[in-house]
Amino acid sequence: MTNLGPQFHPNVEHYRDGGLGGVGEDHSVVGFVPTKHLLPLREYERAGKDANPQSRAVINSIRDDIRSGVGIKNPITVDYDHTSQWAYVGEGNHRLQAAIEEGVPVVPTRVVRSPYSAPRRKAEGVGGHVTHDPIPGAPEDYFPSDAHPKYLFGEKGERAPLSAHQFKQKQVDDIMDLLR
């Protein structure tokens, strides 16, 4: 058992960092994140009214893989800008939807630095606010191009992000507190 669930399924693609973003001797940047923590980081619900016509077939295929034991083969990718502390699910929205529908509690995830697209997605109201932990051995303002999800979601995945709506409401509340 890992700290967030079962051992990696043998079909999960492993990604490794070039030095500082991974964990363990193999420098893995793939870890398990509670599925519920990724919900506020989605672009949109892939099974919802905004879904592409092909989405249902893709989701059903992934669900079949989960049920048959093949599982989720590629980790979900969370794009993250450490300057604005904004994140969103960049790749794997269909995998996440399939995991939700199958009741999968944790999903393999990796985090990639995204200083250009994450701020744009923030302006569009996509994703959520996530603070990151310092990277051991790195300068304070550094975030690696590929990082283990524990740096965003905590060692045991206990830290949930704020959705775009929750973050905006927190900003309003903070301003109102200053005015009181």
N, C-alpha and C. Protein backbone atom coordinates (compact mmCIF):
# COMPACT_ATOMS: atom_id res chain seq x y z
N MET A 1 0.84 -1.20 0.00
CA MET A 1 0.00 0.00 0.00
C MET A 1 0.88 1.25 0.00
N THR A 2 0.49 2.24 -0.80
CA THR A 2 1.12 3.55 -0.73
C THR A 2 0.34 4.34 0.31
N ASN A 3 0.75 5.59 0.52
CA ASN A 3 0.04 6.39 1.51
C ASN A 3 -1.36 6.78 1.04
N LEU A 4 -1.68 6.62 -0.24
CA LEU A 4 -3.00 7.00 -0.73
C LEU A 4 -3.77 5.87 -1.38
N GLY A 5 -3.26 4.67 -1.32
CA GLY A 5 -4.02 3.60 -1.94
C GLY A 5 -3.14 2.43 -2.33
N PRO A 6 -3.65 1.61 -3.22
CA PRO A 6 -2.92 0.40 -3.60
C PRO A 6 -1.65 0.73 -4.37
N GLN A 7 -0.80 -0.27 -4.49
CA GLN A 7 0.41 -0.10 -5.30
C GLN A 7 0.01 0.25 -6.72
N PHE A 8 0.92 0.86 -7.44
CA PHE A 8 0.63 1.20 -8.83
C PHE A 8 0.25 -0.05 -9.59
N HIS A 9 -0.77 0.09 -10.38
CA HIS A 9 -1.12 -0.98 -11.29
C HIS A 9 0.03 -1.12 -12.28
N PRO A 10 0.41 -2.31 -12.68
CA PRO A 10 1.56 -2.46 -13.58
C PRO A 10 1.39 -1.74 -14.92
N ASN A 11 0.16 -1.41 -15.29
CA ASN A 11 -0.05 -0.72 -16.56
C ASN A 11 0.10 0.80 -16.47
N VAL A 12 0.22 1.36 -15.26
CA VAL A 12 0.32 2.81 -15.12
C VAL A 12 1.67 3.26 -15.67
N GLU A 13 1.62 4.23 -16.58
CA GLU A 13 2.84 4.80 -17.12
C GLU A 13 3.55 5.59 -16.02
N HIS A 14 4.84 5.35 -15.87
CA HIS A 14 5.61 6.09 -14.87
C HIS A 14 6.36 7.23 -15.53
N TYR A 15 6.37 8.34 -14.88
CA TYR A 15 7.11 9.51 -15.35
C TYR A 15 8.11 9.86 -14.26
N ARG A 16 9.28 10.32 -14.68
CA ARG A 16 10.33 10.63 -13.72
C ARG A 16 10.81 12.06 -13.94
N ASP A 17 11.26 12.67 -12.85
CA ASP A 17 11.76 14.04 -12.97
C ASP A 17 13.24 14.01 -13.36
N GLY A 18 13.77 15.18 -13.61
CA GLY A 18 15.18 15.30 -13.93
C GLY A 18 16.03 15.60 -12.71
N GLY A 19 15.41 15.69 -11.54
CA GLY A 19 16.20 15.98 -10.36
C GLY A 19 15.42 16.26 -9.10
N LEU A 20 14.61 17.33 -9.06
CA LEU A 20 14.05 17.77 -7.78
C LEU A 20 12.57 17.52 -7.56
N GLY A 21 11.79 17.24 -8.58
CA GLY A 21 10.34 17.18 -8.40
C GLY A 21 9.78 15.84 -8.01
N GLY A 22 10.58 14.79 -8.10
CA GLY A 22 10.07 13.45 -7.82
C GLY A 22 10.33 13.00 -6.40
N VAL A 23 9.91 11.80 -6.10
CA VAL A 23 10.14 11.21 -4.79
C VAL A 23 10.73 9.82 -4.96
N GLY A 24 11.40 9.38 -3.95
CA GLY A 24 11.97 8.04 -3.96
C GLY A 24 13.20 7.94 -4.84
N GLU A 25 13.81 6.78 -4.80
CA GLU A 25 15.03 6.57 -5.56
C GLU A 25 14.80 6.61 -7.06
N ASP A 26 13.59 6.28 -7.50
CA ASP A 26 13.34 6.27 -8.94
C ASP A 26 12.88 7.64 -9.47
N HIS A 27 12.81 8.63 -8.58
CA HIS A 27 12.41 10.00 -8.96
C HIS A 27 11.02 10.06 -9.59
N SER A 28 10.11 9.20 -9.16
CA SER A 28 8.78 9.16 -9.74
C SER A 28 8.02 10.46 -9.45
N VAL A 29 7.33 10.94 -10.46
CA VAL A 29 6.47 12.12 -10.27
C VAL A 29 5.00 11.72 -10.35
N VAL A 30 4.72 10.44 -10.24
CA VAL A 30 3.34 9.95 -10.27
C VAL A 30 2.97 9.50 -8.86
N GLY A 31 1.83 9.98 -8.38
CA GLY A 31 1.32 9.57 -7.08
C GLY A 31 -0.20 9.52 -7.13
N PHE A 32 -0.79 9.00 -6.06
CA PHE A 32 -2.24 8.91 -5.99
C PHE A 32 -2.83 10.15 -5.32
N VAL A 33 -3.90 10.66 -5.90
CA VAL A 33 -4.61 11.82 -5.37
C VAL A 33 -6.08 11.43 -5.21
N PRO A 34 -6.71 11.82 -4.09
CA PRO A 34 -8.14 11.53 -3.95
C PRO A 34 -8.92 12.13 -5.12
N THR A 35 -9.75 11.33 -5.73
CA THR A 35 -10.54 11.76 -6.89
C THR A 35 -11.31 13.03 -6.58
N LYS A 36 -11.87 13.13 -5.38
CA LYS A 36 -12.69 14.29 -5.02
C LYS A 36 -11.90 15.59 -5.05
N HIS A 37 -10.56 15.52 -4.84
CA HIS A 37 -9.76 16.74 -4.86
C HIS A 37 -9.54 17.27 -6.27
N LEU A 38 -9.72 16.42 -7.26
CA LEU A 38 -9.53 16.86 -8.64
C LEU A 38 -10.81 17.44 -9.24
N LEU A 39 -11.94 17.20 -8.61
CA LEU A 39 -13.22 17.69 -9.15
C LEU A 39 -13.23 19.20 -9.39
N PRO A 40 -12.78 20.03 -8.43
CA PRO A 40 -12.84 21.47 -8.71
C PRO A 40 -11.83 21.95 -9.75
N LEU A 41 -10.93 21.07 -10.17
CA LEU A 41 -9.91 21.46 -11.13
C LEU A 41 -10.27 21.09 -12.57
N ARG A 42 -11.44 20.49 -12.77
CA ARG A 42 -11.85 20.07 -14.12
C ARG A 42 -12.21 21.28 -14.98
N GLU A 43 -12.03 21.11 -16.31
CA GLU A 43 -12.49 22.12 -17.26
C GLU A 43 -14.01 22.19 -17.23
N TYR A 44 -14.63 21.03 -17.41
CA TYR A 44 -16.07 20.88 -17.32
C TYR A 44 -16.35 19.40 -17.18
N GLU A 45 -17.55 19.09 -16.78
CA GLU A 45 -17.90 17.68 -16.59
C GLU A 45 -18.04 17.02 -17.95
N ARG A 46 -17.18 16.05 -18.23
CA ARG A 46 -17.14 15.43 -19.56
C ARG A 46 -18.41 14.65 -19.88
N ALA A 47 -19.22 14.38 -18.90
CA ALA A 47 -20.49 13.68 -19.17
C ALA A 47 -21.65 14.66 -19.13
N GLY A 48 -21.36 15.94 -18.93
CA GLY A 48 -22.42 16.94 -18.79
C GLY A 48 -22.92 17.49 -20.11
N LYS A 49 -23.67 18.56 -20.02
CA LYS A 49 -24.31 19.14 -21.20
C LYS A 49 -23.30 19.71 -22.19
N ASP A 50 -22.10 20.06 -21.73
CA ASP A 50 -21.08 20.63 -22.62
C ASP A 50 -20.17 19.58 -23.24
N ALA A 51 -20.44 18.32 -23.00
CA ALA A 51 -19.55 17.25 -23.46
C ALA A 51 -19.60 17.09 -24.98
N ASN A 52 -18.48 16.66 -25.53
CA ASN A 52 -18.42 16.32 -26.95
C ASN A 52 -19.25 15.06 -27.19
N PRO A 53 -19.79 14.89 -28.40
CA PRO A 53 -20.59 13.70 -28.68
C PRO A 53 -19.81 12.39 -28.46
N GLN A 54 -18.50 12.41 -28.68
CA GLN A 54 -17.68 11.21 -28.53
C GLN A 54 -17.31 10.92 -27.07
N SER A 55 -17.53 11.87 -26.19
CA SER A 55 -17.09 11.71 -24.80
C SER A 55 -17.66 10.47 -24.12
N ARG A 56 -18.94 10.20 -24.33
CA ARG A 56 -19.56 9.06 -23.67
C ARG A 56 -18.87 7.76 -24.06
N ALA A 57 -18.53 7.59 -25.34
CA ALA A 57 -17.86 6.37 -25.79
C ALA A 57 -16.47 6.26 -25.17
N VAL A 58 -15.75 7.37 -25.06
CA VAL A 58 -14.42 7.36 -24.46
C VAL A 58 -14.51 7.00 -22.98
N ILE A 59 -15.44 7.62 -22.28
CA ILE A 59 -15.63 7.35 -20.85
C ILE A 59 -16.01 5.89 -20.63
N ASN A 60 -16.93 5.38 -21.43
CA ASN A 60 -17.34 3.98 -21.28
C ASN A 60 -16.19 3.02 -21.52
N SER A 61 -15.33 3.33 -22.47
CA SER A 61 -14.16 2.48 -22.74
C SER A 61 -13.22 2.46 -21.53
N ILE A 62 -13.00 3.61 -20.93
CA ILE A 62 -12.14 3.68 -19.74
C ILE A 62 -12.80 2.96 -18.57
N ARG A 63 -14.11 3.12 -18.43
CA ARG A 63 -14.83 2.40 -17.37
C ARG A 63 -14.66 0.89 -17.54
N ASP A 64 -14.75 0.42 -18.79
CA ASP A 64 -14.54 -1.02 -19.06
C ASP A 64 -13.14 -1.44 -18.63
N ASP A 65 -12.13 -0.59 -18.91
CA ASP A 65 -10.75 -0.89 -18.50
C ASP A 65 -10.64 -0.98 -16.97
N ILE A 66 -11.31 -0.08 -16.28
CA ILE A 66 -11.27 -0.08 -14.81
C ILE A 66 -11.91 -1.37 -14.29
N ARG A 67 -13.08 -1.71 -14.80
CA ARG A 67 -13.80 -2.90 -14.35
C ARG A 67 -13.05 -4.19 -14.67
N SER A 68 -12.35 -4.23 -15.79
CA SER A 68 -11.65 -5.46 -16.19
C SER A 68 -10.30 -5.62 -15.50
N GLY A 69 -9.88 -4.60 -14.75
CA GLY A 69 -8.60 -4.70 -14.04
C GLY A 69 -7.44 -4.04 -14.76
N VAL A 70 -7.66 -3.58 -15.98
CA VAL A 70 -6.60 -2.85 -16.69
C VAL A 70 -6.35 -1.53 -15.98
N GLY A 71 -7.40 -0.90 -15.52
CA GLY A 71 -7.28 0.34 -14.75
C GLY A 71 -6.99 1.55 -15.61
N ILE A 72 -6.59 2.62 -14.96
CA ILE A 72 -6.22 3.86 -15.63
C ILE A 72 -4.74 3.76 -15.97
N LYS A 73 -4.44 3.75 -17.26
CA LYS A 73 -3.07 3.49 -17.71
C LYS A 73 -2.18 4.71 -17.65
N ASN A 74 -2.72 5.87 -17.95
CA ASN A 74 -1.93 7.10 -17.93
C ASN A 74 -2.39 8.00 -16.80
N PRO A 75 -1.46 8.54 -16.04
CA PRO A 75 -1.85 9.42 -14.94
C PRO A 75 -2.58 10.67 -15.44
N ILE A 76 -3.43 11.19 -14.62
CA ILE A 76 -4.08 12.47 -14.89
C ILE A 76 -3.02 13.54 -14.70
N THR A 77 -2.99 14.51 -15.59
CA THR A 77 -2.00 15.58 -15.52
C THR A 77 -2.67 16.85 -15.01
N VAL A 78 -2.13 17.38 -13.92
CA VAL A 78 -2.59 18.65 -13.37
C VAL A 78 -1.57 19.71 -13.79
N ASP A 79 -2.02 20.72 -14.53
CA ASP A 79 -1.17 21.84 -14.92
C ASP A 79 -1.22 22.85 -13.78
N TYR A 80 -0.03 23.37 -13.41
CA TYR A 80 0.05 24.23 -12.22
C TYR A 80 0.99 25.41 -12.46
N ASP A 81 0.54 26.59 -12.09
CA ASP A 81 1.39 27.78 -12.10
C ASP A 81 1.69 28.15 -10.66
N HIS A 82 2.95 28.01 -10.26
CA HIS A 82 3.30 28.24 -8.85
C HIS A 82 3.25 29.73 -8.48
N THR A 83 3.36 30.61 -9.45
CA THR A 83 3.30 32.05 -9.14
C THR A 83 1.90 32.46 -8.73
N SER A 84 0.90 32.06 -9.52
CA SER A 84 -0.48 32.40 -9.19
C SER A 84 -1.15 31.35 -8.31
N GLN A 85 -0.48 30.21 -8.11
CA GLN A 85 -1.00 29.08 -7.33
C GLN A 85 -2.34 28.60 -7.89
N TRP A 86 -2.35 28.47 -9.24
CA TRP A 86 -3.56 28.04 -9.93
C TRP A 86 -3.31 26.72 -10.64
N ALA A 87 -4.28 25.82 -10.57
CA ALA A 87 -4.14 24.50 -11.18
C ALA A 87 -5.42 24.11 -11.89
N TYR A 88 -5.27 23.24 -12.88
CA TYR A 88 -6.43 22.67 -13.55
C TYR A 88 -6.03 21.32 -14.15
N VAL A 89 -7.02 20.48 -14.40
CA VAL A 89 -6.76 19.19 -15.03
C VAL A 89 -6.51 19.46 -16.51
N GLY A 90 -5.26 19.31 -16.93
CA GLY A 90 -4.89 19.59 -18.31
C GLY A 90 -5.12 18.39 -19.21
N GLU A 91 -4.80 17.21 -18.72
CA GLU A 91 -4.99 15.98 -19.47
C GLU A 91 -5.61 14.94 -18.56
N GLY A 92 -6.62 14.24 -19.07
CA GLY A 92 -7.22 13.17 -18.28
C GLY A 92 -8.61 13.46 -17.77
N ASN A 93 -9.29 14.44 -18.35
CA ASN A 93 -10.65 14.73 -17.91
C ASN A 93 -11.60 13.55 -18.12
N HIS A 94 -11.44 12.82 -19.22
CA HIS A 94 -12.28 11.64 -19.45
C HIS A 94 -11.93 10.54 -18.45
N ARG A 95 -10.63 10.36 -18.16
CA ARG A 95 -10.21 9.36 -17.18
C ARG A 95 -10.79 9.70 -15.81
N LEU A 96 -10.75 10.98 -15.47
CA LEU A 96 -11.30 11.40 -14.18
C LEU A 96 -12.80 11.14 -14.13
N GLN A 97 -13.52 11.45 -15.20
CA GLN A 97 -14.96 11.21 -15.22
C GLN A 97 -15.27 9.72 -15.07
N ALA A 98 -14.49 8.87 -15.76
CA ALA A 98 -14.69 7.42 -15.65
C ALA A 98 -14.43 6.96 -14.21
N ALA A 99 -13.39 7.49 -13.59
CA ALA A 99 -13.08 7.13 -12.20
C ALA A 99 -14.21 7.54 -11.26
N ILE A 100 -14.76 8.72 -11.49
CA ILE A 100 -15.88 9.19 -10.67
C ILE A 100 -17.06 8.23 -10.81
N GLU A 101 -17.40 7.91 -12.04
CA GLU A 101 -18.55 7.05 -12.29
C GLU A 101 -18.35 5.64 -11.76
N GLU A 102 -17.11 5.19 -11.68
CA GLU A 102 -16.82 3.84 -11.15
C GLU A 102 -16.55 3.86 -9.64
N GLY A 103 -16.59 5.03 -9.03
CA GLY A 103 -16.37 5.12 -7.59
C GLY A 103 -14.93 4.88 -7.17
N VAL A 104 -13.98 5.18 -8.05
CA VAL A 104 -12.56 5.00 -7.73
C VAL A 104 -12.14 6.12 -6.78
N PRO A 105 -11.64 5.79 -5.57
CA PRO A 105 -11.35 6.83 -4.58
C PRO A 105 -10.08 7.63 -4.83
N VAL A 106 -9.08 7.02 -5.48
CA VAL A 106 -7.82 7.72 -5.77
C VAL A 106 -7.40 7.40 -7.20
N VAL A 107 -6.75 8.37 -7.84
CA VAL A 107 -6.31 8.18 -9.22
C VAL A 107 -4.84 8.57 -9.35
N PRO A 108 -4.11 7.88 -10.26
CA PRO A 108 -2.71 8.26 -10.47
C PRO A 108 -2.66 9.65 -11.12
N THR A 109 -1.77 10.47 -10.60
CA THR A 109 -1.71 11.88 -11.01
C THR A 109 -0.27 12.34 -11.05
N ARG A 110 0.02 13.26 -11.94
CA ARG A 110 1.30 13.96 -11.95
C ARG A 110 1.03 15.44 -12.13
N VAL A 111 1.97 16.27 -11.73
CA VAL A 111 1.81 17.72 -11.80
C VAL A 111 2.89 18.28 -12.73
N VAL A 112 2.49 19.13 -13.67
CA VAL A 112 3.45 19.78 -14.54
C VAL A 112 3.35 21.29 -14.38
N ARG A 113 4.50 21.94 -14.42
CA ARG A 113 4.54 23.40 -14.31
C ARG A 113 3.95 23.99 -15.59
N SER A 114 3.06 24.96 -15.43
CA SER A 114 2.36 25.54 -16.56
C SER A 114 2.22 27.05 -16.35
N PRO A 115 3.32 27.79 -16.50
CA PRO A 115 3.26 29.23 -16.19
C PRO A 115 2.47 30.06 -17.21
N TYR A 116 2.13 29.49 -18.36
CA TYR A 116 1.43 30.26 -19.38
C TYR A 116 -0.05 29.91 -19.46
N SER A 117 -0.36 28.63 -19.50
CA SER A 117 -1.77 28.27 -19.68
C SER A 117 -2.57 28.34 -18.38
N ALA A 118 -1.97 28.04 -17.23
CA ALA A 118 -2.73 28.07 -15.98
C ALA A 118 -3.28 29.48 -15.67
N PRO A 119 -2.50 30.56 -15.82
CA PRO A 119 -3.09 31.89 -15.59
C PRO A 119 -4.23 32.22 -16.56
N ARG A 120 -4.10 31.74 -17.81
CA ARG A 120 -5.17 31.96 -18.80
C ARG A 120 -6.43 31.21 -18.35
N ARG A 121 -6.26 29.97 -17.88
CA ARG A 121 -7.41 29.19 -17.41
C ARG A 121 -8.02 29.84 -16.16
N LYS A 122 -7.18 30.44 -15.31
CA LYS A 122 -7.69 31.15 -14.14
C LYS A 122 -8.60 32.29 -14.58
N ALA A 123 -8.16 33.05 -15.58
CA ALA A 123 -8.97 34.16 -16.09
C ALA A 123 -10.30 33.67 -16.66
N GLU A 124 -10.31 32.44 -17.17
CA GLU A 124 -11.53 31.85 -17.71
C GLU A 124 -12.40 31.21 -16.63
N GLY A 125 -11.91 31.19 -15.40
CA GLY A 125 -12.67 30.58 -14.31
C GLY A 125 -12.58 29.07 -14.29
N VAL A 126 -11.54 28.51 -14.90
CA VAL A 126 -11.35 27.06 -14.94
C VAL A 126 -10.26 26.68 -13.95
N GLY A 127 -10.50 25.67 -13.15
CA GLY A 127 -9.50 25.19 -12.21
C GLY A 127 -9.73 25.71 -10.81
N GLY A 128 -8.63 25.74 -10.05
CA GLY A 128 -8.77 26.17 -8.67
C GLY A 128 -7.45 26.58 -8.06
N HIS A 129 -7.53 27.17 -6.88
CA HIS A 129 -6.38 27.66 -6.14
C HIS A 129 -5.79 26.54 -5.29
N VAL A 130 -4.48 26.31 -5.44
CA VAL A 130 -3.79 25.29 -4.67
C VAL A 130 -2.44 25.86 -4.26
N THR A 131 -2.15 25.81 -2.98
CA THR A 131 -0.82 26.22 -2.53
C THR A 131 0.10 25.01 -2.57
N HIS A 132 1.36 25.26 -2.85
CA HIS A 132 2.30 24.14 -2.92
C HIS A 132 3.28 24.18 -1.77
N ASP A 133 3.80 23.01 -1.43
CA ASP A 133 4.85 22.90 -0.42
C ASP A 133 6.18 23.22 -1.07
N PRO A 134 7.15 23.69 -0.27
CA PRO A 134 8.48 23.92 -0.82
C PRO A 134 9.09 22.61 -1.33
N ILE A 135 9.87 22.71 -2.37
CA ILE A 135 10.56 21.55 -2.93
C ILE A 135 11.90 21.43 -2.20
N PRO A 136 12.15 20.31 -1.53
CA PRO A 136 13.40 20.17 -0.79
C PRO A 136 14.63 20.37 -1.68
N GLY A 137 15.54 21.20 -1.22
CA GLY A 137 16.78 21.44 -1.94
C GLY A 137 16.67 22.46 -3.05
N ALA A 138 15.49 23.07 -3.22
CA ALA A 138 15.30 24.04 -4.30
C ALA A 138 15.12 25.45 -3.74
N PRO A 139 15.44 26.48 -4.54
CA PRO A 139 15.17 27.85 -4.10
C PRO A 139 13.69 28.04 -3.80
N GLU A 140 13.38 29.01 -2.95
CA GLU A 140 12.01 29.23 -2.49
C GLU A 140 11.02 29.48 -3.63
N ASP A 141 11.42 30.18 -4.67
CA ASP A 141 10.50 30.53 -5.75
C ASP A 141 10.52 29.52 -6.90
N TYR A 142 11.12 28.37 -6.67
CA TYR A 142 11.28 27.36 -7.72
C TYR A 142 10.17 26.32 -7.65
N PHE A 143 9.67 25.94 -8.82
CA PHE A 143 8.78 24.78 -8.92
C PHE A 143 9.22 24.01 -10.15
N PRO A 144 9.46 22.70 -10.02
CA PRO A 144 10.01 21.92 -11.15
C PRO A 144 9.01 21.78 -12.29
N SER A 145 9.53 21.42 -13.46
CA SER A 145 8.65 21.25 -14.62
C SER A 145 7.76 20.01 -14.46
N ASP A 146 8.19 19.04 -13.68
CA ASP A 146 7.42 17.83 -13.42
C ASP A 146 7.53 17.56 -11.92
N ALA A 147 6.40 17.43 -11.23
CA ALA A 147 6.46 17.27 -9.77
C ALA A 147 5.47 16.21 -9.29
N HIS A 148 5.84 15.57 -8.20
CA HIS A 148 4.97 14.59 -7.54
C HIS A 148 3.77 15.36 -6.95
N PRO A 149 2.57 14.78 -7.02
CA PRO A 149 1.39 15.50 -6.53
C PRO A 149 1.40 15.78 -5.03
N LYS A 150 2.26 15.13 -4.26
CA LYS A 150 2.28 15.40 -2.81
C LYS A 150 2.61 16.86 -2.52
N TYR A 151 3.33 17.52 -3.45
CA TYR A 151 3.69 18.92 -3.24
C TYR A 151 2.49 19.85 -3.34
N LEU A 152 1.41 19.41 -3.99
CA LEU A 152 0.19 20.21 -4.06
C LEU A 152 -0.87 19.73 -3.09
N PHE A 153 -1.04 18.43 -2.99
CA PHE A 153 -2.17 17.87 -2.26
C PHE A 153 -1.81 17.33 -0.88
N GLY A 154 -0.56 17.46 -0.47
CA GLY A 154 -0.12 16.97 0.83
C GLY A 154 0.38 15.54 0.75
N GLU A 155 1.12 15.15 1.75
CA GLU A 155 1.73 13.82 1.79
C GLU A 155 0.69 12.71 1.67
N LYS A 156 -0.47 12.92 2.29
CA LYS A 156 -1.53 11.90 2.27
C LYS A 156 -2.75 12.37 1.49
N GLY A 157 -2.55 13.37 0.65
CA GLY A 157 -3.65 13.86 -0.17
C GLY A 157 -4.74 14.54 0.62
N GLU A 158 -4.38 15.09 1.78
CA GLU A 158 -5.40 15.65 2.66
C GLU A 158 -5.76 17.10 2.33
N ARG A 159 -4.99 17.75 1.48
CA ARG A 159 -5.21 19.17 1.20
C ARG A 159 -6.02 19.34 -0.08
N ALA A 160 -7.24 19.82 0.05
CA ALA A 160 -8.13 20.00 -1.10
C ALA A 160 -7.95 21.41 -1.66
N PRO A 161 -8.03 21.55 -2.99
CA PRO A 161 -7.95 22.88 -3.60
C PRO A 161 -9.26 23.64 -3.44
N LEU A 162 -9.18 24.95 -3.61
CA LEU A 162 -10.38 25.76 -3.67
C LEU A 162 -10.80 25.88 -5.12
N SER A 163 -12.06 25.66 -5.41
CA SER A 163 -12.54 25.84 -6.78
C SER A 163 -12.45 27.33 -7.13
N ALA A 164 -12.60 27.65 -8.42
CA ALA A 164 -12.57 29.04 -8.86
C ALA A 164 -13.63 29.85 -8.11
N HIS A 165 -14.83 29.29 -7.96
CA HIS A 165 -15.90 29.98 -7.24
C HIS A 165 -15.54 30.19 -5.76
N GLN A 166 -15.04 29.14 -5.11
CA GLN A 166 -14.65 29.25 -3.70
C GLN A 166 -13.54 30.29 -3.52
N PHE A 167 -12.59 30.30 -4.46
CA PHE A 167 -11.47 31.24 -4.38
C PHE A 167 -11.97 32.69 -4.52
N LYS A 168 -12.86 32.93 -5.47
CA LYS A 168 -13.42 34.28 -5.64
C LYS A 168 -14.18 34.71 -4.39
N GLN A 169 -14.95 33.78 -3.82
CA GLN A 169 -15.71 34.10 -2.61
C GLN A 169 -14.76 34.41 -1.45
N LYS A 170 -13.65 33.68 -1.35
CA LYS A 170 -12.67 33.94 -0.29
C LYS A 170 -12.06 35.33 -0.47
N GLN A 171 -11.78 35.73 -1.70
CA GLN A 171 -11.25 37.06 -1.95
C GLN A 171 -12.24 38.13 -1.51
N VAL A 172 -13.52 37.95 -1.83
CA VAL A 172 -14.55 38.90 -1.42
C VAL A 172 -14.63 38.95 0.10
N ASP A 173 -14.63 37.78 0.75
CA ASP A 173 -14.69 37.73 2.20
C ASP A 173 -13.48 38.42 2.83
N ASP A 174 -12.29 38.23 2.26
CA ASP A 174 -11.09 38.88 2.78
C ASP A 174 -11.19 40.41 2.66
N ILE A 175 -11.72 40.90 1.55
CA ILE A 175 -11.88 42.33 1.37
C ILE A 175 -12.91 42.87 2.36
N MET A 176 -14.01 42.14 2.54
CA MET A 176 -15.05 42.59 3.49
C MET A 176 -14.48 42.62 4.91
N ASP A 177 -13.63 41.66 5.25
CA ASP A 177 -12.99 41.66 6.58
C ASP A 177 -12.12 42.89 6.77
N LEU A 178 -11.43 43.31 5.73
CA LEU A 178 -10.58 44.51 5.80
C LEU A 178 -11.41 45.77 5.98
N LEU A 179 -12.60 45.77 5.39
CA LEU A 179 -13.46 46.96 5.46
C LEU A 179 -14.21 47.09 6.78
N ARG A 180 -14.26 46.01 7.53
CA ARG A 180 -15.02 46.04 8.79
C ARG A 180 -14.23 46.71 9.87
